[in-house]
Protein backbone atom coordinates (compact mmCIF):
# COMPACT_ATOMS: atom_id res chain seq x y z
CA MET A 1 -0.45 -10.26 -11.59
CA SER A 2 -0.10 -12.34 -8.45
CA THR A 3 2.78 -11.52 -6.16
CA ARG A 4 5.54 -13.97 -5.31
CA ARG A 5 4.24 -13.94 -1.80
CA GLY A 6 0.86 -15.09 -3.01
CA PHE A 7 2.46 -17.79 -5.09
CA ILE A 8 4.45 -19.14 -2.15
CA ALA A 9 1.35 -19.04 0.04
CA GLY A 10 -0.48 -21.10 -2.57
CA LEU A 11 2.32 -23.63 -2.66
CA ALA A 12 2.28 -23.86 1.15
CA GLY A 13 -1.33 -24.91 0.96
CA ALA A 14 -0.69 -27.79 -1.48
CA SER A 15 -1.92 -31.21 -0.37
CA THR A 16 1.30 -32.97 -1.34
CA VAL A 17 3.83 -31.67 1.15
CA ALA A 18 6.80 -33.18 -0.74
CA VAL A 19 6.04 -30.94 -3.75
CA TRP A 20 6.43 -27.76 -1.70
CA PRO A 21 10.22 -27.72 -1.11
CA ARG A 22 10.99 -28.91 -4.65
CA ALA A 23 8.67 -26.29 -6.17
CA LEU A 24 10.00 -23.52 -3.96
CA ARG A 25 13.65 -24.43 -4.69
CA ALA A 26 12.98 -24.55 -8.43
CA MET A 27 11.24 -21.16 -8.30
CA MET A 28 14.05 -19.57 -6.27
CA GLU A 29 16.74 -21.02 -8.61
CA ALA A 30 14.85 -19.71 -11.64
CA ASP A 31 14.53 -16.28 -10.02
CA ALA A 32 18.21 -16.18 -9.14
CA ALA A 33 19.24 -17.06 -12.69
CA ALA A 34 16.99 -14.42 -14.16
CA ILE A 35 18.07 -11.77 -11.64
CA ALA A 36 21.79 -12.53 -12.22
CA HIS A 37 21.37 -11.77 -15.91
CA ASP A 38 19.18 -8.66 -15.47
CA LEU A 39 21.04 -5.77 -17.13
CA ASN A 40 19.12 -3.24 -15.04
CA ARG A 41 20.47 -4.74 -11.82
CA PRO A 42 23.48 -2.98 -10.26
CA ALA A 43 26.66 -5.02 -9.85
CA CYS A 44 28.65 -2.58 -7.63
CA HIS A 45 25.96 -1.64 -5.12
CA LEU A 46 24.62 -3.48 -2.09
CA LEU A 47 21.20 -5.04 -2.50
CA PRO A 48 19.54 -8.31 -1.38
CA PRO A 49 19.64 -11.38 -3.63
CA HIS A 50 16.02 -10.74 -4.49
CA ASN A 51 12.82 -8.95 -3.40
CA TRP A 52 12.28 -5.51 -1.97
CA MET A 53 14.77 -3.25 -0.19
CA ASN A 54 14.25 0.24 1.22
CA ASP A 55 15.68 2.34 4.06
CA PRO A 56 19.20 1.72 5.44
CA ASN A 57 18.87 1.00 9.15
CA GLY A 58 21.31 0.86 12.06
CA PRO A 59 24.71 1.04 10.32
CA ILE A 60 27.43 0.33 12.78
CA PHE A 61 31.16 -0.56 12.89
CA TRP A 62 31.58 -3.40 15.40
CA LYS A 63 34.53 -5.63 16.18
CA GLY A 64 36.38 -4.69 13.02
CA LYS A 65 33.42 -5.09 10.63
CA TYR A 66 30.82 -2.83 9.05
CA HIS A 67 27.26 -3.96 9.58
CA LEU A 68 24.42 -2.49 7.54
CA PHE A 69 20.84 -3.34 8.22
CA TYR A 70 18.01 -2.35 5.97
CA GLN A 71 14.30 -2.60 5.37
CA VAL A 72 13.45 -5.74 3.37
CA ASN A 73 10.32 -7.63 2.35
CA PRO A 74 11.57 -11.28 2.22
CA HIS A 75 8.48 -12.43 0.33
CA ALA A 76 8.03 -10.16 -2.63
CA ALA A 77 9.65 -7.35 -4.69
CA VAL A 78 7.08 -4.77 -3.48
CA TRP A 79 6.77 -2.87 -0.22
CA GLY A 80 5.24 -4.72 2.73
CA ASP A 81 5.94 -7.05 5.64
CA MET A 82 8.96 -5.07 6.82
CA HIS A 83 11.89 -7.01 8.29
CA TRP A 84 15.48 -5.91 8.95
CA GLY A 85 17.90 -7.46 6.51
CA HIS A 86 21.61 -7.62 7.39
CA ALA A 87 24.90 -7.56 5.48
CA VAL A 88 28.49 -7.40 6.75
CA SER A 89 31.66 -6.07 5.18
CA THR A 90 35.27 -5.28 5.93
CA ASP A 91 35.44 -2.44 3.41
CA MET A 92 31.87 -1.08 2.85
CA VAL A 93 32.15 -2.29 -0.77
CA HIS A 94 32.18 -6.10 -0.75
CA TRP A 95 29.38 -7.60 1.31
CA LYS A 96 28.27 -10.92 2.73
CA HIS A 97 24.58 -11.44 3.32
CA GLN A 98 23.51 -12.56 6.82
CA PRO A 99 20.20 -14.02 7.98
CA ILE A 100 17.31 -11.67 8.69
CA ALA A 101 18.12 -9.71 11.82
CA MET A 102 14.57 -8.82 12.96
CA ALA A 103 11.15 -10.00 11.99
CA PRO A 104 7.68 -8.83 13.16
CA THR A 105 6.49 -10.61 16.31
CA PRO A 106 2.95 -12.06 15.92
CA GLY A 107 0.64 -10.28 18.35
CA GLY A 108 3.42 -7.87 19.36
CA ALA A 109 3.77 -4.10 18.97
CA ASP A 110 5.66 -4.68 15.70
CA SER A 111 3.30 -7.36 14.36
CA GLU A 112 2.72 -5.39 11.15
CA GLY A 113 6.36 -4.49 10.58
CA CYS A 114 9.75 -3.62 12.01
CA PHE A 115 10.13 -0.10 10.58
CA SER A 116 13.31 2.00 10.43
CA GLY A 117 15.65 2.83 13.26
CA SER A 118 19.20 3.18 14.48
CA ALA A 119 22.00 1.26 16.26
CA VAL A 120 24.05 2.42 19.27
CA VAL A 121 26.36 0.68 21.75
CA PHE A 122 24.87 0.68 25.25
CA ASN A 123 26.51 -1.10 28.21
CA GLY A 124 28.94 -2.71 25.76
CA LYS A 125 26.30 -4.20 23.49
CA PRO A 126 24.99 -3.08 20.11
CA THR A 127 21.38 -2.01 20.53
CA PHE A 128 18.63 -1.24 18.05
CA ILE A 129 16.04 1.42 18.66
CA TYR A 130 13.38 1.15 15.96
CA THR A 131 9.71 1.76 15.14
CA GLY A 132 7.22 -1.09 15.42
CA VAL A 133 3.79 -0.89 13.83
CA GLN A 134 0.57 -2.75 14.55
CA ASN A 135 -3.09 -2.41 13.67
CA ALA A 136 -4.94 -0.25 16.18
CA PRO A 137 -8.28 1.49 16.73
CA ARG A 138 -8.63 4.71 14.79
CA GLU A 139 -8.16 6.91 17.89
CA GLN A 140 -4.66 5.34 18.43
CA VAL A 141 -3.49 5.49 14.82
CA THR A 142 -0.36 7.57 14.19
CA ILE A 143 0.19 7.04 10.44
CA ARG A 144 -2.37 9.34 8.82
CA ASP A 145 -1.76 8.96 5.11
CA GLY A 146 -5.17 7.81 3.90
CA GLY A 147 -4.93 4.25 5.20
CA ASP A 148 -5.17 5.33 8.84
CA LYS A 149 -4.94 1.96 10.56
CA LEU A 150 -1.39 1.60 12.00
CA ARG A 151 -0.01 2.70 15.34
CA GLU A 152 3.73 3.41 15.62
CA THR A 153 5.67 2.82 18.81
CA GLN A 154 9.42 2.99 19.57
CA MET A 155 11.02 -0.31 20.46
CA ILE A 156 14.36 -1.76 21.50
CA ALA A 157 16.38 -4.90 20.70
CA VAL A 158 19.83 -5.92 22.02
CA ALA A 159 22.46 -8.06 20.28
CA GLU A 160 23.14 -11.42 21.86
CA ASP A 161 26.37 -12.18 19.95
CA ASP A 162 29.30 -10.25 18.44
CA ASP A 163 28.37 -11.28 14.90
CA LEU A 164 25.04 -9.43 15.39
CA LEU A 165 23.08 -12.39 14.19
CA HIS A 166 20.74 -12.78 17.11
CA TRP A 167 18.76 -9.99 18.74
CA LYS A 168 16.58 -9.94 21.88
CA LYS A 169 13.58 -7.62 21.69
CA ASP A 170 11.82 -6.11 24.64
CA GLU A 171 8.19 -7.13 24.40
CA GLN A 172 6.85 -3.76 25.38
CA PRO A 173 7.57 -0.49 23.58
CA ILE A 174 9.96 1.91 25.23
CA ILE A 175 7.84 4.84 23.95
CA PRO A 176 4.29 3.61 23.46
CA LEU A 177 2.57 6.87 22.62
CA PRO A 178 3.25 10.24 21.02
CA PRO A 179 3.47 13.14 23.47
CA PRO A 180 0.10 14.41 24.75
CA GLY A 181 -1.30 17.48 22.97
CA VAL A 182 0.56 16.81 19.70
CA GLN A 183 -1.70 15.63 16.88
CA VAL A 184 1.04 13.82 15.03
CA THR A 185 1.08 13.07 11.31
CA GLY A 186 3.55 10.28 11.99
CA PHE A 187 5.74 8.99 14.81
CA ARG A 188 8.72 7.00 13.59
CA ASP A 189 12.42 6.54 12.62
CA PRO A 190 14.12 7.13 16.01
CA CYS A 191 17.59 8.67 15.99
CA PRO A 192 19.50 8.32 19.35
CA TRP A 193 22.74 9.97 20.53
CA LYS A 194 24.72 10.24 23.75
CA GLU A 195 25.50 13.48 25.56
CA ALA A 196 27.37 13.97 28.79
CA ASP A 197 24.33 13.67 31.05
CA ALA A 198 22.06 11.24 29.26
CA TRP A 199 20.87 9.62 26.05
CA TYR A 200 18.69 11.70 23.72
CA LEU A 201 16.34 10.53 20.97
CA GLY A 202 14.83 12.37 18.07
CA VAL A 203 11.65 10.96 16.47
CA GLY A 204 10.33 12.01 13.06
CA SER A 205 6.92 13.65 13.25
CA GLY A 206 4.82 16.70 12.29
CA GLU A 207 1.42 18.31 12.55
CA ARG A 208 -1.15 19.26 9.95
CA GLY A 209 -0.92 22.92 9.06
CA LYS A 210 2.28 23.38 11.14
CA GLY A 211 4.92 21.40 9.24
CA GLY A 212 7.28 18.60 10.09
CA CYS A 213 9.28 18.35 13.29
CA VAL A 214 11.63 16.23 15.40
CA LEU A 215 10.29 15.25 18.81
CA LEU A 216 13.02 15.08 21.49
CA TYR A 217 13.21 12.56 24.38
CA ARG A 218 15.76 11.90 27.17
CA SER A 219 16.72 8.71 29.00
CA HIS A 220 19.42 7.27 31.22
CA ASP A 221 18.84 3.60 30.50
CA LEU A 222 17.29 3.53 26.96
CA ARG A 223 14.05 2.10 28.47
CA GLN A 224 12.44 4.96 30.35
CA TRP A 225 12.08 8.05 28.18
CA GLU A 226 10.98 11.54 29.14
CA TYR A 227 9.47 13.76 26.42
CA LEU A 228 11.14 17.19 26.37
CA HIS A 229 9.84 19.23 23.42
CA LYS A 230 10.18 19.70 19.71
CA MET A 231 13.90 19.97 19.07
CA VAL A 232 13.25 21.65 15.69
CA GLU A 233 10.19 22.20 13.58
CA GLY A 234 9.29 23.48 10.13
CA LYS A 235 6.90 26.19 9.08
CA PRO A 236 3.53 25.99 7.38
CA ASN A 237 3.97 26.05 3.60
CA GLY A 238 0.33 26.02 2.55
CA LYS A 239 0.64 22.65 0.88
CA GLN A 240 -1.94 19.93 1.42
CA ALA A 241 -1.87 16.25 0.61
CA THR A 242 -3.49 13.08 1.82
CA ASN A 243 -0.02 11.79 2.77
CA PRO A 244 1.66 14.41 5.00
CA CYS A 245 5.07 13.28 3.73
CA ASP A 246 4.07 14.75 0.40
CA SER A 247 3.12 18.14 1.82
CA GLY A 248 6.10 18.61 4.19
CA GLU A 249 3.91 18.07 7.27
CA MET A 250 5.83 14.92 8.21
CA TRP A 251 9.65 14.59 8.44
CA GLU A 252 10.75 11.03 7.94
CA CYS A 253 14.09 9.41 8.84
CA PRO A 254 15.64 12.33 10.79
CA ASP A 255 19.38 11.92 11.25
CA PHE A 256 21.11 14.27 13.67
CA PHE A 257 24.83 14.41 14.47
CA PRO A 258 27.81 16.71 15.06
CA LEU A 259 29.84 17.65 12.03
CA GLY A 260 32.86 19.87 12.34
CA ASP A 261 31.94 22.69 14.65
CA LYS A 262 28.27 22.50 13.80
CA HIS A 263 25.46 19.99 13.94
CA CYS A 264 23.69 18.51 10.96
CA LEU A 265 20.11 17.45 10.57
CA ILE A 266 19.02 15.41 7.55
CA TYR A 267 15.40 14.43 6.97
CA SER A 268 13.15 13.23 4.12
CA THR A 269 9.91 14.96 3.11
CA GLU A 270 8.06 16.14 -0.02
CA ASN A 271 9.69 13.24 -1.91
CA LYS A 272 13.21 14.53 -1.39
CA VAL A 273 16.01 14.60 1.20
CA LEU A 274 16.91 17.89 2.82
CA TRP A 275 19.97 18.82 4.84
CA THR A 276 20.55 21.57 7.39
CA THR A 277 23.58 22.58 9.37
CA GLY A 278 23.38 24.87 12.41
CA HIS A 279 23.69 25.38 16.12
CA TYR A 280 22.68 22.87 18.75
CA ASP A 281 22.12 24.36 22.19
CA ALA A 282 23.10 21.55 24.56
CA GLN A 283 21.56 23.37 27.54
CA ALA A 284 18.15 24.10 26.05
CA HIS A 285 18.37 21.02 23.75
CA THR A 286 17.15 22.90 20.72
CA TYR A 287 18.55 23.04 17.24
CA THR A 288 18.66 26.15 15.00
CA PRO A 289 19.34 25.57 11.31
CA GLU A 290 21.60 28.08 9.68
CA ARG A 291 22.32 26.58 6.23
CA ASN A 292 20.15 24.21 4.22
CA GLY A 293 19.93 22.49 0.85
CA VAL A 294 18.86 19.40 -1.08
CA LEU A 295 21.05 16.39 -0.30
CA ASP A 296 20.50 14.67 -3.66
CA HIS A 297 18.53 16.22 -6.56
CA GLY A 298 17.53 12.92 -8.08
CA ALA A 299 14.12 11.30 -7.59
CA ALA A 300 15.71 7.97 -6.82
CA TYR A 301 17.54 8.95 -3.53
CA TYR A 302 15.58 8.80 -0.23
CA ALA A 303 15.65 7.97 3.50
CA PRO A 304 19.41 8.09 4.22
CA LYS A 305 21.13 7.07 7.41
CA SER A 306 24.64 7.87 8.63
CA PHE A 307 27.04 6.53 11.25
CA ALA A 308 30.43 7.28 12.75
CA ALA A 309 33.08 5.23 10.96
CA PRO A 310 36.78 4.66 11.74
CA GLY A 311 39.02 7.55 10.81
CA SER A 312 36.57 10.12 12.31
CA ARG A 313 34.45 9.83 9.17
CA ARG A 314 30.68 10.38 9.00
CA ILE A 315 29.43 7.89 6.42
CA LEU A 316 26.00 8.20 4.83
CA TRP A 317 23.94 5.45 3.17
CA GLY A 318 20.88 6.18 1.09
CA TRP A 319 18.11 4.08 -0.37
CA LEU A 320 18.07 4.17 -4.19
CA ARG A 321 14.50 3.46 -5.12
CA GLU A 322 13.02 2.32 -8.40
CA THR A 323 11.49 4.97 -10.69
CA ARG A 324 9.86 2.45 -13.07
CA PRO A 325 6.30 1.12 -12.62
CA GLU A 326 5.67 -1.32 -9.77
CA ALA A 327 4.51 -4.02 -12.19
CA GLU A 328 7.96 -3.94 -13.82
CA PHE A 329 10.10 -4.23 -10.67
CA SER A 330 7.67 -6.74 -9.16
CA ALA A 331 8.04 -8.93 -12.25
CA ALA A 332 11.89 -8.45 -12.23
CA GLY A 333 11.94 -9.99 -8.70
CA TRP A 334 14.01 -7.24 -7.05
CA SER A 335 13.59 -3.56 -6.16
CA GLY A 336 15.90 -0.97 -4.67
CA CYS A 337 19.54 -0.85 -3.64
CA MET A 338 21.91 1.08 -1.38
CA SER A 339 23.87 4.07 -2.59
CA VAL A 340 27.66 3.94 -2.51
CA PRO A 341 28.92 5.08 0.92
CA ARG A 342 29.30 8.87 1.02
CA VAL A 343 31.62 10.77 3.33
CA LEU A 344 30.06 13.91 4.82
CA THR A 345 32.08 16.99 5.62
CA LEU A 346 31.38 20.59 6.60
CA GLY A 347 32.39 23.30 4.13
CA ALA A 348 34.09 26.57 4.95
CA GLN A 349 30.73 28.43 4.87
CA GLY A 350 28.94 25.80 6.91
CA GLN A 351 27.43 23.93 3.92
CA LEU A 352 27.17 20.15 3.78
CA GLU A 353 29.65 18.50 1.35
CA MET A 354 30.01 14.89 0.30
CA HIS A 355 32.00 12.52 -1.82
CA PRO A 356 32.15 8.77 -2.35
CA ALA A 357 34.19 6.95 0.22
CA LYS A 358 37.79 6.15 -0.80
CA GLU A 359 37.02 2.43 -0.58
CA VAL A 360 34.77 2.65 -3.68
CA GLU A 361 37.95 3.25 -5.76
CA SER A 362 39.02 -0.35 -5.13
CA LEU A 363 36.54 -1.34 -7.82
CA ARG A 364 38.42 0.59 -10.52
CA GLY A 365 40.06 -1.20 -13.37
CA PRO A 366 42.82 0.37 -15.56
CA ALA A 367 42.49 4.14 -15.93
CA GLU A 368 42.23 5.90 -19.27
CA SER A 369 43.12 9.63 -19.42
CA VAL A 370 41.91 11.89 -22.21
CA LYS A 371 41.38 15.60 -23.02
CA VAL A 372 37.90 16.80 -24.01
CA SER A 373 37.47 19.96 -26.03
CA GLU A 374 34.88 21.49 -28.35
CA SER A 375 36.62 19.93 -31.31
CA THR A 376 37.45 16.59 -29.66
CA PRO A 377 34.48 15.13 -27.72
CA PHE A 378 34.92 11.76 -26.07
CA ARG A 379 32.81 8.88 -27.40
CA ARG A 380 33.06 5.30 -26.23
CA LYS A 381 30.79 2.28 -26.81
CA LEU A 382 30.50 0.55 -23.48
CA ASP A 383 31.17 -3.18 -23.31
CA ASP A 384 29.55 -3.27 -19.91
CA LEU A 385 27.39 -1.03 -17.76
CA GLN A 386 29.82 -0.47 -14.90
CA ARG A 387 31.93 2.64 -15.43
CA GLU A 388 33.22 5.66 -13.53
CA LEU A 389 34.47 8.93 -14.95
CA SER A 390 35.96 12.00 -13.40
CA LEU A 391 36.20 15.39 -15.19
CA HIS A 392 38.57 18.05 -13.78
CA LEU A 393 36.66 21.32 -13.96
CA SER A 394 39.15 23.80 -12.43
CA LEU A 395 39.43 25.74 -15.74
CA LEU A 396 35.72 26.18 -16.36
CA THR A 397 34.77 29.75 -17.36
CA ASP A 398 32.08 30.07 -20.08
CA THR A 399 31.84 26.37 -20.72
CA VAL A 400 28.80 24.14 -21.35
CA LEU A 401 29.69 20.55 -20.53
CA THR A 402 27.37 17.63 -21.41
CA ILE A 403 27.57 13.93 -20.55
CA ARG A 404 25.23 11.59 -22.38
CA LEU A 405 24.38 7.93 -22.43
CA ILE A 406 23.07 7.13 -25.94
CA SER A 407 21.22 3.90 -26.64
CA ASN A 408 19.77 3.18 -30.12
CA GLY A 409 19.08 6.77 -31.09
CA PRO A 410 18.35 9.64 -28.68
CA ALA A 411 20.11 10.10 -25.40
CA ALA A 412 18.74 7.89 -22.67
CA TRP A 413 20.29 10.15 -20.03
CA GLU A 414 21.96 13.57 -20.20
CA LEU A 415 23.62 15.75 -17.59
CA THR A 416 24.62 19.29 -18.50
CA LEU A 417 26.73 21.79 -16.54
CA ASP A 418 25.91 25.16 -18.06
CA VAL A 419 28.35 27.68 -16.56
CA PRO A 420 27.01 30.79 -18.39
CA ALA A 421 23.49 29.99 -17.24
CA LYS A 422 24.78 28.97 -13.80
CA GLN A 423 22.62 25.86 -13.94
CA VAL A 424 22.86 22.09 -13.82
CA ARG A 425 20.24 20.13 -15.85
CA CYS A 426 19.30 16.50 -16.05
CA GLY A 427 16.05 15.69 -17.83
CA ASP A 428 13.27 17.54 -15.95
CA ILE A 429 15.63 18.38 -13.01
CA ALA A 430 17.43 21.72 -12.86
CA PHE A 431 19.26 23.44 -10.02
CA PRO A 432 21.78 26.24 -9.57
CA PHE A 433 25.40 25.62 -10.43
CA PRO A 434 27.21 25.12 -7.13
CA ALA A 435 29.00 28.26 -5.92
CA LEU A 436 32.72 28.38 -6.43
CA PRO A 437 35.33 27.69 -5.15
CA TRP A 438 34.71 23.93 -4.78
CA PRO A 439 36.65 21.78 -2.35
CA HIS A 440 37.46 19.48 -5.29
CA PRO A 441 36.79 20.94 -8.71
CA ASP A 442 35.58 17.81 -10.44
CA LEU A 443 32.50 16.02 -11.59
CA ARG A 444 32.34 12.30 -10.80
CA MET A 445 29.82 9.92 -12.32
CA LEU A 446 29.37 6.31 -11.46
CA LEU A 447 27.29 4.14 -13.79
CA ASP A 448 26.16 0.75 -12.53
CA GLY A 449 23.42 -1.02 -14.46
CA SER A 450 20.36 1.26 -14.08
CA VAL A 451 21.98 3.44 -11.42
CA ILE A 452 23.88 6.71 -12.06
CA GLU A 453 25.32 8.60 -9.12
CA SER A 454 26.82 12.02 -9.93
CA PHE A 455 28.77 14.34 -7.66
CA ILE A 456 29.54 17.94 -8.65
CA GLY A 457 32.48 19.59 -6.86
CA GLU A 458 31.47 17.70 -3.63
CA ARG A 459 28.76 20.32 -3.33
CA GLU A 460 25.82 18.77 -5.18
CA ALA A 461 24.71 15.20 -5.85
CA LEU A 462 22.21 13.72 -8.28
CA THR A 463 21.11 10.08 -8.45
CA SER A 464 19.29 8.84 -11.59
CA ARG A 465 17.75 5.52 -12.64
CA VAL A 466 17.98 4.68 -16.33
CA TYR A 467 16.47 1.40 -17.55
CA GLY A 468 17.03 -0.58 -20.71
CA LEU A 469 20.67 0.17 -21.35
CA LYS A 470 22.56 -2.65 -23.11
CA PRO A 471 26.26 -3.40 -23.25
CA GLY A 472 27.69 -2.99 -26.75
CA GLU A 473 24.74 -0.80 -27.75
CA THR A 474 25.18 2.04 -25.24
CA GLN A 475 27.57 4.88 -26.00
CA LEU A 476 29.11 7.26 -23.45
CA GLU A 477 29.63 10.73 -24.83
CA VAL A 478 31.32 13.72 -23.19
CA SER A 479 31.18 17.01 -25.14
CA MET A 480 31.73 20.67 -24.41
CA LYS A 481 31.21 24.12 -25.84
CA GLY A 482 33.71 26.76 -24.99
CA LYS A 483 37.46 27.49 -25.09
CA GLY A 484 40.24 25.24 -23.85
CA SER A 485 39.96 21.63 -22.82
CA ILE A 486 39.03 19.53 -19.82
CA GLY A 487 41.00 16.59 -18.46
CA MET A 488 39.06 13.40 -17.87
CA GLN A 489 39.74 10.00 -16.48
CA THR A 490 37.57 6.94 -16.89
CA TRP A 491 37.67 3.46 -15.37
CA PRO A 492 35.77 0.26 -15.80
CA LEU A 493 34.34 -0.95 -12.49
CA ARG A 494 34.59 -4.46 -11.22
CA ALA A 495 31.45 -6.12 -9.88
CA ILE A 496 31.38 -6.89 -6.19
CA SER A 497 30.22 -10.49 -6.82
CA PRO A 498 30.33 -12.91 -9.74
CA ASP A 499 26.57 -13.14 -10.18
CA LYS A 500 24.96 -9.77 -9.16
CA LEU A 501 23.56 -11.43 -6.07
CA THR A 502 26.16 -9.56 -3.93
CA SER A 503 27.50 -12.61 -2.05
């Protein structure tokens, strides 16, 4: 099947120039109409009007507004031709799309893509530090995943207006090469922060046979950077793969920040997102993890990025990727969305905890409160595919609790909390029941089209993608085995736009 990008390129070469804008407009209008009626498409999550989205980039609160940038392919619903998309909000829930913030510069160090990065405020101006990629001779290649043709460098761009619509790039990379003596498996996704004496920058990397790592740099002006050392590194795990991200020999999208009286490092590798909390030595500039875990147990959640939000909150965004075949999402005309914003906190034993931001509750319609017991399960046919439920689990003892979405026969999705087995199960995924006591003894589930985000006691999260659900034919069921009953609330959720195109 030809891609939309190929189709547009073909139209651009047509001999009758007047046909081109009419044909393109008709195609885009048809796409928009189809996308707006796509039942798989979320209505309560941020995503572009069409085409491909991946990593959140450079989230920042500036002049009273939240700005979220993200990886986007403006030409097709598949990965490639990475630009930075841009959306703005006053509440992190309702968004207005803005023009593309950054595009590859022909012949420049980011000619093959503006990859992921971060935003900081430097000298009073929002500033991006990001990874640019370009084709390079094999000896200069840094992405070694079987393709082996792209060189990654760290680059900078500065906002030219307070609406963050226009950005001025430096032509030359600020970090053109990996440190000497390190045979990197990758060199990308810069994460900057300010300390008393200077700016510091972590870059995701790794080495074959040694594991992933974060390379640490220091600067006083964000242009001249001194390499220090590996701030933290993994250990060999014996795994091998063509793509080092699959074997744990490359850590993508490192995110490093203070949280409570600890520091937190989040990174993506082996097809999942891992968190650690621990001690950062500000004199030696090294980080020692003390606690660790999986940030989200679902296969759909990847490459998150956090920022400091008003109210001393650390807000995390994650990319919710498609789990269906590429041919299907390419034909649908859209792929990927952002998670709901999650607030990160530090637990009493130093573990990472999270919950949806309070602002998400603004989407709730009228609440319905019920009791669920072994003899009285809850069953409801859904008139739409936007729904939240919250189960109060403070009385759980020997209970087995199951939530199902049933569509034309067998369950399309099932989540089970098995207290006697001390296990949570969802399809092929299983993980230990989070240790009690929980900061909030509840289970929250948000259904939005093909997206399901679940939070268990603010200790564990699991994001699923379930395709093919239909309003009026999908039943929500909550059942339990065990003594007593469980209180539950459920709400319909209002869409954030009238047409599923966000704004």
